[in-house]
N, C-alpha and C. Protein backbone atom coordinates (compact mmCIF):
# COMPACT_ATOMS: atom_id res chain seq x y z
N MET A 1 27.18 -4.55 -19.89
CA MET A 1 27.97 -5.16 -18.99
C MET A 1 27.33 -6.51 -18.18
N ILE A 2 28.05 -7.42 -18.17
CA ILE A 2 27.46 -8.62 -17.64
C ILE A 2 27.82 -8.97 -16.13
N ASP A 3 26.91 -9.02 -15.07
CA ASP A 3 27.08 -9.01 -13.78
C ASP A 3 27.38 -10.22 -13.53
N GLU A 4 27.96 -10.53 -12.20
CA GLU A 4 28.40 -11.77 -11.72
C GLU A 4 27.11 -12.71 -11.58
N GLN A 5 27.25 -13.97 -11.75
CA GLN A 5 26.16 -15.05 -11.50
C GLN A 5 25.51 -14.83 -10.06
N LYS A 6 24.28 -14.67 -9.92
CA LYS A 6 23.43 -14.72 -8.60
C LYS A 6 22.82 -16.04 -8.37
N ILE A 7 23.04 -16.76 -7.31
CA ILE A 7 22.52 -17.86 -6.83
C ILE A 7 21.68 -17.50 -5.51
N ILE A 8 20.16 -17.70 -5.75
CA ILE A 8 19.57 -17.34 -4.52
C ILE A 8 18.83 -18.55 -3.78
N GLU A 9 19.30 -19.05 -2.72
CA GLU A 9 18.69 -20.15 -1.96
C GLU A 9 17.12 -19.60 -1.70
N ILE A 10 16.45 -20.79 -1.89
CA ILE A 10 14.90 -20.43 -1.38
C ILE A 10 14.33 -21.71 -0.75
N LEU A 11 13.27 -21.60 -0.29
CA LEU A 11 12.60 -22.92 0.44
C LEU A 11 11.85 -23.41 -0.80
N HIS A 12 11.78 -24.80 -0.76
CA HIS A 12 10.89 -25.44 -1.91
C HIS A 12 9.50 -24.97 -1.98
N SER A 13 9.12 -24.78 -0.62
CA SER A 13 7.66 -24.25 -0.47
C SER A 13 7.30 -23.01 -1.33
N ASP A 14 8.36 -22.13 -1.45
CA ASP A 14 8.35 -20.82 -2.23
C ASP A 14 8.67 -21.02 -3.84
N LEU A 15 8.87 -22.10 -4.30
CA LEU A 15 9.38 -22.36 -5.49
C LEU A 15 8.31 -21.73 -6.53
N ILE A 16 7.09 -22.13 -6.50
CA ILE A 16 6.16 -21.75 -7.50
C ILE A 16 5.92 -19.97 -7.62
N ASN A 17 5.80 -19.45 -6.27
CA ASN A 17 5.72 -18.00 -6.20
C ASN A 17 6.89 -17.49 -6.82
N THR A 18 8.25 -18.06 -6.62
CA THR A 18 9.47 -17.26 -6.95
C THR A 18 9.49 -17.43 -8.40
N ILE A 19 9.03 -18.71 -9.05
CA ILE A 19 9.17 -18.85 -10.45
C ILE A 19 8.10 -17.99 -11.16
N LEU A 20 6.94 -17.77 -10.70
CA LEU A 20 5.88 -16.76 -11.16
C LEU A 20 6.33 -15.51 -11.31
N GLN A 21 7.25 -14.94 -10.21
CA GLN A 21 8.07 -13.63 -10.29
C GLN A 21 8.99 -13.37 -11.32
N TYR A 22 9.67 -14.49 -11.62
CA TYR A 22 10.56 -14.33 -12.70
C TYR A 22 9.75 -14.30 -14.07
N LYS A 23 8.78 -15.08 -14.12
CA LYS A 23 7.79 -15.04 -15.42
C LYS A 23 7.38 -13.79 -15.49
N ASN A 24 6.74 -13.14 -14.57
CA ASN A 24 6.07 -11.73 -14.58
C ASN A 24 7.16 -10.71 -14.64
N ASP A 25 8.34 -11.03 -14.32
CA ASP A 25 9.39 -9.83 -14.70
C ASP A 25 10.22 -10.02 -16.08
N ASP A 26 9.57 -11.02 -17.05
CA ASP A 26 10.09 -11.21 -18.26
C ASP A 26 11.55 -11.82 -18.56
N TYR A 27 11.59 -12.77 -17.59
CA TYR A 27 12.85 -13.56 -17.57
C TYR A 27 12.58 -14.90 -18.42
N ARG A 28 13.41 -15.42 -19.04
CA ARG A 28 13.41 -16.47 -19.57
C ARG A 28 13.96 -17.87 -19.01
N LEU A 29 13.46 -19.01 -18.98
CA LEU A 29 14.00 -20.15 -18.44
C LEU A 29 15.31 -20.66 -19.15
N VAL A 30 16.29 -20.68 -18.56
CA VAL A 30 17.51 -21.05 -19.39
C VAL A 30 18.04 -22.60 -19.07
N GLN A 31 17.86 -23.00 -17.99
CA GLN A 31 18.00 -24.46 -17.70
C GLN A 31 17.72 -24.78 -16.15
N ILE A 32 17.56 -26.00 -16.10
CA ILE A 32 17.39 -26.68 -14.65
C ILE A 32 18.14 -27.74 -14.34
N CYS A 33 18.95 -27.81 -13.38
CA CYS A 33 19.98 -28.77 -13.05
C CYS A 33 19.87 -29.26 -11.63
N ALA A 34 19.99 -30.76 -11.63
CA ALA A 34 19.83 -31.34 -10.39
C ALA A 34 21.23 -31.97 -10.05
N THR A 35 21.63 -31.73 -8.90
CA THR A 35 22.77 -32.39 -8.23
C THR A 35 22.28 -33.51 -6.92
N LYS A 36 22.73 -34.55 -6.82
CA LYS A 36 22.56 -35.37 -5.82
C LYS A 36 23.64 -35.33 -4.83
N THR A 37 23.57 -35.04 -3.50
CA THR A 37 24.34 -35.03 -2.46
C THR A 37 23.78 -36.13 -1.59
N PRO A 38 24.43 -36.54 -0.40
CA PRO A 38 24.29 -37.51 0.54
C PRO A 38 22.64 -37.27 0.98
N ASN A 39 21.55 -38.15 0.92
CA ASN A 39 20.30 -37.85 1.26
C ASN A 39 19.51 -36.65 0.78
N GLN A 40 20.11 -35.74 -0.23
CA GLN A 40 19.30 -34.70 -0.41
C GLN A 40 19.61 -34.41 -2.00
N TYR A 41 18.93 -33.53 -2.67
CA TYR A 41 18.95 -32.93 -4.09
C TYR A 41 19.15 -31.60 -3.90
N GLU A 42 20.04 -30.86 -4.56
CA GLU A 42 20.19 -29.53 -4.91
C GLU A 42 19.55 -29.42 -6.43
N ILE A 43 18.52 -28.70 -6.54
CA ILE A 43 18.01 -28.32 -7.68
C ILE A 43 18.13 -26.71 -8.12
N THR A 44 18.78 -26.35 -9.13
CA THR A 44 19.19 -25.13 -9.61
C THR A 44 18.21 -24.73 -10.96
N TYR A 45 17.56 -23.64 -10.85
CA TYR A 45 16.84 -23.09 -12.01
C TYR A 45 17.35 -21.88 -12.39
N SER A 46 17.95 -21.59 -13.64
CA SER A 46 18.52 -20.51 -14.12
C SER A 46 17.61 -19.71 -15.08
N PHE A 47 17.66 -18.49 -14.89
CA PHE A 47 16.97 -17.51 -15.73
C PHE A 47 17.69 -16.38 -16.40
N ALA A 48 17.15 -15.96 -17.34
CA ALA A 48 17.94 -14.72 -18.09
C ALA A 48 16.96 -13.67 -18.47
N LYS A 49 17.67 -12.40 -18.39
CA LYS A 49 16.98 -11.31 -18.97
C LYS A 49 17.81 -10.36 -19.39
N GLU A 50 18.04 -10.13 -20.85
CA GLU A 50 18.91 -9.50 -21.49
C GLU A 50 20.28 -9.97 -21.02
N TYR A 51 21.07 -9.48 -20.53
CA TYR A 51 22.49 -9.97 -20.13
C TYR A 51 22.57 -10.29 -18.76
N GLN A 52 21.54 -10.46 -18.04
CA GLN A 52 21.37 -10.64 -16.59
C GLN A 52 21.21 -12.26 -16.38
N LEU A 53 21.95 -12.89 -15.71
CA LEU A 53 21.72 -14.35 -15.32
C LEU A 53 21.51 -14.46 -13.94
N GLU A 54 20.41 -15.24 -13.50
CA GLU A 54 19.96 -15.41 -12.10
C GLU A 54 19.69 -16.88 -11.89
N ALA A 55 19.83 -17.48 -10.66
CA ALA A 55 19.54 -18.73 -10.65
C ALA A 55 18.93 -18.78 -9.02
N ILE A 56 18.10 -19.76 -8.96
CA ILE A 56 17.41 -20.02 -7.75
C ILE A 56 17.59 -21.65 -7.50
N ARG A 57 17.91 -21.77 -6.13
CA ARG A 57 18.23 -23.16 -5.66
C ARG A 57 17.50 -23.59 -4.47
N ILE A 58 16.73 -24.63 -4.77
CA ILE A 58 16.22 -25.41 -3.75
C ILE A 58 17.02 -26.72 -3.16
N THR A 59 16.96 -27.13 -1.92
CA THR A 59 17.41 -28.21 -1.49
C THR A 59 16.37 -29.02 -0.86
N ILE A 60 16.29 -30.39 -1.38
CA ILE A 60 15.21 -31.24 -0.96
C ILE A 60 15.73 -32.55 -0.57
N ASP A 61 15.16 -33.14 0.55
CA ASP A 61 15.35 -34.47 0.81
C ASP A 61 14.88 -35.41 -0.49
N GLU A 62 15.20 -36.81 -0.25
CA GLU A 62 14.86 -37.88 -1.41
C GLU A 62 13.28 -38.10 -1.47
N ASN A 63 12.60 -37.77 -0.34
CA ASN A 63 11.06 -38.00 -0.18
C ASN A 63 10.14 -36.76 -0.44
N THR A 64 10.98 -35.63 -0.62
CA THR A 64 9.99 -34.42 -0.82
C THR A 64 9.72 -34.50 -2.30
N GLU A 65 8.44 -34.35 -2.56
CA GLU A 65 7.80 -33.96 -3.84
C GLU A 65 7.68 -32.40 -4.17
N ILE A 66 8.02 -32.17 -5.32
CA ILE A 66 7.98 -30.69 -5.53
C ILE A 66 6.96 -30.62 -6.74
N PHE A 67 6.35 -29.16 -6.88
CA PHE A 67 5.52 -28.98 -8.09
C PHE A 67 6.35 -28.76 -9.49
N SER A 68 5.76 -29.14 -10.62
CA SER A 68 6.39 -28.73 -11.90
C SER A 68 6.12 -27.45 -12.04
N ILE A 69 7.19 -26.82 -12.84
CA ILE A 69 6.99 -25.37 -13.15
C ILE A 69 6.51 -25.28 -14.72
N SER A 70 6.35 -26.44 -15.44
CA SER A 70 5.99 -26.55 -16.88
C SER A 70 4.76 -25.93 -17.26
N SER A 71 3.84 -25.62 -16.31
CA SER A 71 2.66 -24.87 -16.59
C SER A 71 2.96 -23.30 -16.77
N ILE A 72 4.23 -22.86 -16.23
CA ILE A 72 4.48 -21.53 -16.15
C ILE A 72 5.73 -21.23 -17.28
N PHE A 73 6.62 -22.33 -17.41
CA PHE A 73 7.50 -22.19 -18.43
C PHE A 73 7.44 -23.80 -19.13
N PRO A 74 6.69 -23.74 -20.29
CA PRO A 74 6.37 -25.11 -20.77
C PRO A 74 7.43 -25.91 -21.21
N PRO A 75 8.79 -25.40 -21.68
CA PRO A 75 10.12 -26.26 -21.85
C PRO A 75 10.52 -26.80 -20.72
N ALA A 76 10.12 -26.57 -19.66
CA ALA A 76 10.67 -27.03 -18.29
C ALA A 76 10.16 -28.74 -18.19
N PHE A 77 9.36 -29.08 -18.91
CA PHE A 77 8.77 -30.52 -18.85
C PHE A 77 10.03 -31.40 -19.45
N LEU A 78 10.97 -31.02 -20.25
CA LEU A 78 12.00 -31.62 -20.53
C LEU A 78 13.13 -31.81 -19.45
N TYR A 79 13.52 -30.83 -18.77
CA TYR A 79 14.31 -30.86 -17.60
C TYR A 79 13.76 -31.71 -16.48
N GLU A 80 12.53 -31.63 -16.07
CA GLU A 80 11.81 -32.37 -15.18
C GLU A 80 11.85 -33.79 -15.40
N ASN A 81 11.46 -34.13 -16.41
CA ASN A 81 11.46 -35.51 -16.89
C ASN A 81 12.77 -36.18 -16.78
N GLU A 82 13.90 -35.35 -17.24
CA GLU A 82 15.23 -35.84 -16.90
C GLU A 82 15.56 -35.83 -15.47
N MET A 83 15.35 -35.00 -14.68
CA MET A 83 15.53 -35.12 -13.26
C MET A 83 14.85 -36.44 -12.44
N LYS A 84 13.68 -36.64 -13.18
CA LYS A 84 12.78 -37.74 -12.57
C LYS A 84 13.27 -39.16 -13.06
N ASP A 85 13.71 -39.33 -14.40
CA ASP A 85 14.44 -40.40 -14.77
C ASP A 85 15.58 -40.69 -14.25
N LEU A 86 16.54 -39.75 -14.26
CA LEU A 86 17.94 -39.94 -14.01
C LEU A 86 18.35 -39.92 -12.33
N PHE A 87 17.55 -39.06 -11.67
CA PHE A 87 17.86 -38.80 -10.19
C PHE A 87 16.63 -39.50 -9.31
N GLY A 88 15.71 -39.53 -9.71
CA GLY A 88 14.41 -39.90 -8.88
C GLY A 88 13.89 -38.70 -8.06
N VAL A 89 14.07 -37.47 -8.77
CA VAL A 89 13.38 -36.58 -8.12
C VAL A 89 12.12 -36.61 -8.23
N LYS A 90 11.10 -36.26 -7.16
CA LYS A 90 9.71 -36.51 -7.19
C LYS A 90 9.14 -35.39 -7.74
N ILE A 91 8.57 -35.20 -8.81
CA ILE A 91 7.83 -33.93 -9.41
C ILE A 91 6.44 -34.22 -9.86
N LYS A 92 5.57 -33.54 -9.35
CA LYS A 92 4.07 -33.73 -9.67
C LYS A 92 3.44 -32.82 -10.68
N LEU A 93 2.74 -33.23 -11.48
CA LEU A 93 1.87 -32.25 -12.36
C LEU A 93 2.79 -31.79 -13.56
N ILE A 94 3.86 -32.59 -14.15
CA ILE A 94 4.41 -32.32 -15.26
C ILE A 94 3.55 -32.17 -16.48
N SER A 95 3.54 -31.26 -17.20
CA SER A 95 2.85 -30.90 -18.31
C SER A 95 2.76 -32.21 -19.26
N VAL A 96 3.96 -32.54 -19.69
CA VAL A 96 4.00 -33.94 -20.39
C VAL A 96 4.84 -34.77 -19.72
N ASP A 97 4.55 -35.62 -18.97
CA ASP A 97 5.11 -36.60 -18.07
C ASP A 97 5.16 -37.89 -18.67
N TYR A 98 6.57 -38.41 -18.91
CA TYR A 98 7.00 -39.48 -19.59
C TYR A 98 7.00 -40.90 -18.53
N ASN A 99 6.72 -40.53 -17.26
CA ASN A 99 6.45 -41.55 -16.34
C ASN A 99 7.67 -42.26 -16.13
N GLY A 100 8.86 -41.77 -16.22
CA GLY A 100 10.24 -42.86 -16.11
C GLY A 100 10.64 -43.19 -17.45
N ASN A 101 10.03 -42.85 -18.48
CA ASN A 101 10.47 -43.42 -19.91
C ASN A 101 10.93 -42.41 -20.97
N PHE A 102 11.54 -41.29 -20.34
CA PHE A 102 12.14 -40.23 -21.03
C PHE A 102 13.40 -40.65 -21.67
N TYR A 103 14.01 -41.35 -20.95
CA TYR A 103 15.51 -41.95 -21.56
C TYR A 103 15.37 -43.57 -21.64
N ARG A 104 15.96 -44.09 -22.62
CA ARG A 104 16.26 -45.38 -22.60
C ARG A 104 17.51 -45.72 -21.81
N ILE A 105 17.12 -46.19 -20.57
CA ILE A 105 18.56 -46.49 -19.68
C ILE A 105 18.46 -47.83 -19.15
N ASP A 106 19.62 -48.28 -18.80
CA ASP A 106 19.64 -49.65 -18.32
C ASP A 106 19.39 -49.91 -17.08
N LYS A 107 19.77 -48.82 -16.20
CA LYS A 107 19.46 -48.83 -14.56
C LYS A 107 18.58 -47.49 -14.50
N LYS A 108 17.55 -47.87 -13.77
CA LYS A 108 16.53 -46.79 -13.19
C LYS A 108 17.45 -45.85 -12.20
N GLU A 109 17.16 -44.63 -12.44
CA GLU A 109 17.64 -43.53 -11.74
C GLU A 109 19.12 -43.69 -11.45
N PRO A 110 19.86 -43.81 -12.53
CA PRO A 110 21.59 -44.03 -12.34
C PRO A 110 22.20 -42.80 -11.38
N PHE A 111 21.91 -41.62 -11.43
CA PHE A 111 22.35 -40.75 -10.58
C PHE A 111 21.89 -40.59 -9.33
N LYS A 112 21.01 -41.48 -8.82
CA LYS A 112 20.60 -41.27 -7.55
C LYS A 112 21.46 -41.99 -6.32
N GLN A 113 22.42 -42.71 -6.81
CA GLN A 113 23.54 -43.38 -6.03
C GLN A 113 22.81 -44.24 -4.92
């Protein structure tokens, strides 16, 4: 049976510890999604284990820098480079950092508004 999706709001300072807990509990990373709202970002990390889907969400302002989770979930570098290129999210220590060149785009950070 599939439960309803659960979104857990956390502080960005708790991100790495929370991500490590999901890794230790054998969840897999499903996706990372960024959304721009006025003067801030909502970043949602989704995880699955068997038929259970859970998501955690952080809300940060435009100047907040967050740590990459790519050392914990290696495929995260793809989502993180996308968020950096398209939204301007400040992410440090991405395992494979394209430094703003992940996409060929005409306008820098087009979804930043």
